[in-house]
Amino acid sequence: MGTRLKLIIAGCVLLITAASLQPEAATAPFPAASETRCGWFSNPTPGNASLHDRAAEWIIGVQGGHQADGDWPEFAPGQWVETNGHYGYGCACLRLQANRRTHEVTRIESAQPRALSVCRKDSALKHWGFK
């Protein structure tokens, strides 16, 4: 066996060994790109939260399960509709990272509450049933 062939085989063995030592690196998904989404922020019960925008419902948190990293918007009293004690909904824009296939939000980078009238006037949000 020639020297060149031995070097090629040794290089392949090194690559395979390195990949087997770090399996999560080989299968880790690319980080999600940040995007701004605006719509109805809903927190109906403890630990459950979603953002309903023109495209979909984006899951922020599920009680006892998935919870996105980052802070939720902080609403002033006139920006929040209570439906279940102090739980309810408001209008907000979130800068976030999400899995577009599952609609799960992984990270909230920033959250800005908006006037309820902004979402109420947006005809693309009416099908969600918030008023």
C-alpha atoms as a PDB file:
ATOM      1  CA  MET A   1       0.000   0.000   0.000  1.00  0.00           C
ATOM      2  CA  GLY A   2       1.427   3.379  -1.015  1.00  0.00           C
ATOM      3  CA  THR A   3       2.100   6.284   1.339  1.00  0.00           C
ATOM      4  CA  ARG A   4      -0.588   8.419  -0.264  1.00  0.00           C
ATOM      5  CA  LEU A   5      -3.266   5.756   0.201  1.00  0.00           C
ATOM      6  CA  LYS A   6      -2.227   5.279   3.854  1.00  0.00           C
ATOM      7  CA  LEU A   7      -2.597   9.047   4.452  1.00  0.00           C
ATOM      8  CA  ILE A   8      -6.057   9.078   2.873  1.00  0.00           C
ATOM      9  CA  ILE A   9      -7.193   6.134   5.008  1.00  0.00           C
ATOM     10  CA  ALA A  10      -5.743   7.696   8.166  1.00  0.00           C
ATOM     11  CA  GLY A  11      -7.543  10.980   7.383  1.00  0.00           C
ATOM     12  CA  CYS A  12     -10.854   9.175   6.911  1.00  0.00           C
ATOM     13  CA  VAL A  13     -10.400   7.316  10.199  1.00  0.00           C
ATOM     14  CA  LEU A  14      -9.724  10.624  11.983  1.00  0.00           C
ATOM     15  CA  LEU A  15     -12.854  12.238  10.497  1.00  0.00           C
ATOM     16  CA  ILE A  16     -15.050   9.294  11.439  1.00  0.00           C
ATOM     17  CA  THR A  17     -13.612   9.230  14.970  1.00  0.00           C
ATOM     18  CA  ALA A  18     -14.117  12.974  15.437  1.00  0.00           C
ATOM     19  CA  ALA A  19     -17.725  12.765  14.211  1.00  0.00           C
ATOM     20  CA  SER A  20     -18.503   9.867  16.553  1.00  0.00           C
ATOM     21  CA  LEU A  21     -17.173  11.796  19.540  1.00  0.00           C
ATOM     22  CA  GLN A  22     -19.556  14.707  18.871  1.00  0.00           C
ATOM     23  CA  PRO A  23     -22.816  13.195  17.562  1.00  0.00           C
ATOM     24  CA  GLU A  24     -24.924  16.192  18.609  1.00  0.00           C
ATOM     25  CA  ALA A  25     -22.817  18.467  16.394  1.00  0.00           C
ATOM     26  CA  ALA A  26     -23.606  16.365  13.358  1.00  0.00           C
ATOM     27  CA  THR A  27     -27.377  16.455  13.928  1.00  0.00           C
ATOM     28  CA  ALA A  28     -27.847  19.886  15.569  1.00  0.00           C
ATOM     29  CA  PRO A  29     -30.248  22.111  13.603  1.00  0.00           C
ATOM     30  CA  PHE A  30     -29.142  25.469  12.334  1.00  0.00           C
ATOM     31  CA  PRO A  31     -30.121  28.302  14.688  1.00  0.00           C
ATOM     32  CA  ALA A  32     -33.448  29.849  13.753  1.00  0.00           C
ATOM     33  CA  ALA A  33     -33.303  33.305  12.216  1.00  0.00           C
ATOM     34  CA  SER A  34     -34.810  36.123  14.247  1.00  0.00           C
ATOM     35  CA  GLU A  35     -38.036  37.615  12.983  1.00  0.00           C
ATOM     36  CA  THR A  36     -40.621  40.096  14.188  1.00  0.00           C
ATOM     37  CA  ARG A  37     -44.188  38.838  14.517  1.00  0.00           C
ATOM     38  CA  CYS A  38     -47.150  40.926  15.641  1.00  0.00           C
ATOM     39  CA  GLY A  39     -50.608  39.881  16.745  1.00  0.00           C
ATOM     40  CA  TRP A  40     -52.628  38.674  19.696  1.00  0.00           C
ATOM     41  CA  PHE A  41     -50.552  37.529  22.675  1.00  0.00           C
ATOM     42  CA  SER A  42     -52.642  35.053  24.635  1.00  0.00           C
ATOM     43  CA  ASN A  43     -51.952  33.809  28.180  1.00  0.00           C
ATOM     44  CA  PRO A  44     -55.224  32.039  29.096  1.00  0.00           C
ATOM     45  CA  THR A  45     -53.920  29.976  32.037  1.00  0.00           C
ATOM     46  CA  PRO A  46     -50.653  29.560  33.981  1.00  0.00           C
ATOM     47  CA  GLY A  47     -47.720  28.551  31.783  1.00  0.00           C
ATOM     48  CA  ASN A  48     -49.733  28.619  28.544  1.00  0.00           C
ATOM     49  CA  ALA A  49     -48.979  31.364  26.042  1.00  0.00           C
ATOM     50  CA  SER A  50     -49.160  31.875  22.280  1.00  0.00           C
ATOM     51  CA  LEU A  51     -48.847  34.620  19.719  1.00  0.00           C
ATOM     52  CA  HIS A  52     -51.569  34.561  17.056  1.00  0.00           C
ATOM     53  CA  ASP A  53     -50.422  36.472  13.969  1.00  0.00           C
ATOM     54  CA  ARG A  54     -51.511  36.612  10.333  1.00  0.00           C
ATOM     55  CA  ALA A  55     -49.762  33.321   9.529  1.00  0.00           C
ATOM     56  CA  ALA A  56     -50.284  30.985  12.480  1.00  0.00           C
ATOM     57  CA  GLU A  57     -50.457  30.393  16.197  1.00  0.00           C
ATOM     58  CA  TRP A  58     -46.916  30.465  17.594  1.00  0.00           C
ATOM     59  CA  ILE A  59     -46.571  28.419  20.787  1.00  0.00           C
ATOM     60  CA  ILE A  60     -44.587  30.264  23.453  1.00  0.00           C
ATOM     61  CA  GLY A  61     -45.315  28.043  26.430  1.00  0.00           C
ATOM     62  CA  VAL A  62     -47.256  24.952  27.422  1.00  0.00           C
ATOM     63  CA  GLN A  63     -47.928  24.288  31.094  1.00  0.00           C
ATOM     64  CA  GLY A  64     -45.635  21.472  32.237  1.00  0.00           C
ATOM     65  CA  GLY A  65     -43.884  21.414  28.868  1.00  0.00           C
ATOM     66  CA  HIS A  66     -42.173  23.670  26.363  1.00  0.00           C
ATOM     67  CA  GLN A  67     -41.308  27.204  27.488  1.00  0.00           C
ATOM     68  CA  ALA A  68     -39.525  29.676  25.213  1.00  0.00           C
ATOM     69  CA  ASP A  69     -36.527  31.524  26.595  1.00  0.00           C
ATOM     70  CA  GLY A  70     -36.948  35.260  27.082  1.00  0.00           C
ATOM     71  CA  ASP A  71     -39.430  37.669  28.609  1.00  0.00           C
ATOM     72  CA  TRP A  72     -43.091  38.022  27.735  1.00  0.00           C
ATOM     73  CA  PRO A  73     -44.518  41.479  27.023  1.00  0.00           C
ATOM     74  CA  GLU A  74     -45.536  43.571  30.020  1.00  0.00           C
ATOM     75  CA  PHE A  75     -48.965  45.072  29.400  1.00  0.00           C
ATOM     76  CA  ALA A  76     -50.416  48.184  31.004  1.00  0.00           C
ATOM     77  CA  PRO A  77     -53.971  47.775  32.370  1.00  0.00           C
ATOM     78  CA  GLY A  78     -55.559  49.329  29.255  1.00  0.00           C
ATOM     79  CA  GLN A  79     -53.611  46.982  26.972  1.00  0.00           C
ATOM     80  CA  TRP A  80     -54.786  43.717  28.556  1.00  0.00           C
ATOM     81  CA  VAL A  81     -58.169  41.948  28.432  1.00  0.00           C
ATOM     82  CA  GLU A  82     -58.706  39.667  31.426  1.00  0.00           C
ATOM     83  CA  THR A  83     -60.652  36.493  30.654  1.00  0.00           C
ATOM     84  CA  ASN A  84     -59.697  34.202  33.535  1.00  0.00           C
ATOM     85  CA  GLY A  85     -58.662  36.081  36.663  1.00  0.00           C
ATOM     86  CA  HIS A  86     -55.626  38.078  35.589  1.00  0.00           C
ATOM     87  CA  TYR A  87     -55.031  35.761  32.601  1.00  0.00           C
ATOM     88  CA  GLY A  88     -56.160  36.923  29.171  1.00  0.00           C
ATOM     89  CA  TYR A  89     -54.790  38.536  26.032  1.00  0.00           C
ATOM     90  CA  GLY A  90     -53.287  41.656  24.547  1.00  0.00           C
ATOM     91  CA  CYS A  91     -51.744  42.954  21.338  1.00  0.00           C
ATOM     92  CA  ALA A  92     -47.966  42.747  20.927  1.00  0.00           C
ATOM     93  CA  CYS A  93     -44.970  42.512  18.630  1.00  0.00           C
ATOM     94  CA  LEU A  94     -42.254  40.017  19.475  1.00  0.00           C
ATOM     95  CA  ARG A  95     -38.770  39.702  18.060  1.00  0.00           C
ATOM     96  CA  LEU A  96     -38.339  35.940  18.246  1.00  0.00           C
ATOM     97  CA  GLN A  97     -36.777  32.761  16.984  1.00  0.00           C
ATOM     98  CA  ALA A  98     -39.121  29.902  16.152  1.00  0.00           C
ATOM     99  CA  ASN A  99     -39.322  26.527  14.498  1.00  0.00           C
ATOM    100  CA  ARG A 100     -41.380  27.239  11.378  1.00  0.00           C
ATOM    101  CA  ARG A 101     -42.419  23.600  11.024  1.00  0.00           C
ATOM    102  CA  THR A 102     -43.803  23.148  14.558  1.00  0.00           C
ATOM    103  CA  HIS A 103     -44.625  26.831  15.234  1.00  0.00           C
ATOM    104  CA  GLU A 104     -42.797  26.570  18.572  1.00  0.00           C
ATOM    105  CA  VAL A 105     -41.086  29.753  19.722  1.00  0.00           C
ATOM    106  CA  THR A 106     -37.625  28.937  21.051  1.00  0.00           C
ATOM    107  CA  ARG A 107     -36.492  32.412  22.135  1.00  0.00           C
ATOM    108  CA  ILE A 108     -38.108  35.811  22.640  1.00  0.00           C
ATOM    109  CA  GLU A 109     -35.482  38.493  22.056  1.00  0.00           C
ATOM    110  CA  SER A 110     -37.776  41.436  22.750  1.00  0.00           C
ATOM    111  CA  ALA A 111     -41.465  42.012  23.337  1.00  0.00           C
ATOM    112  CA  GLN A 112     -43.408  45.250  22.858  1.00  0.00           C
ATOM    113  CA  PRO A 113     -47.044  45.609  23.914  1.00  0.00           C
ATOM    114  CA  ARG A 114     -49.287  47.540  21.524  1.00  0.00           C
ATOM    115  CA  ALA A 115     -52.637  49.215  21.833  1.00  0.00           C
ATOM    116  CA  LEU A 116     -55.524  46.738  21.599  1.00  0.00           C
ATOM    117  CA  SER A 117     -56.939  48.859  18.758  1.00  0.00           C
ATOM    118  CA  VAL A 118     -53.982  47.920  16.514  1.00  0.00           C
ATOM    119  CA  CYS A 119     -54.894  44.239  16.543  1.00  0.00           C
ATOM    120  CA  ARG A 120     -58.625  44.932  16.505  1.00  0.00           C
ATOM    121  CA  LYS A 121     -58.257  46.955  13.283  1.00  0.00           C
ATOM    122  CA  ASP A 122     -56.117  44.307  11.544  1.00  0.00           C
ATOM    123  CA  SER A 123     -58.560  42.293   9.422  1.00  0.00           C
ATOM    124  CA  ALA A 124     -56.023  39.449   9.058  1.00  0.00           C
ATOM    125  CA  LEU A 125     -56.284  38.805  12.819  1.00  0.00           C
ATOM    126  CA  LYS A 126     -60.083  38.737  13.113  1.00  0.00           C
ATOM    127  CA  HIS A 127     -60.356  34.965  12.528  1.00  0.00           C
ATOM    128  CA  TRP A 128     -58.665  34.295  15.884  1.00  0.00           C
ATOM    129  CA  GLY A 129     -61.768  35.516  17.730  1.00  0.00           C
ATOM    130  CA  PHE A 130     -60.098  37.978  20.109  1.00  0.00           C
ATOM    131  CA  LYS A 131     -62.014  41.251  20.558  1.00  0.00           C
END
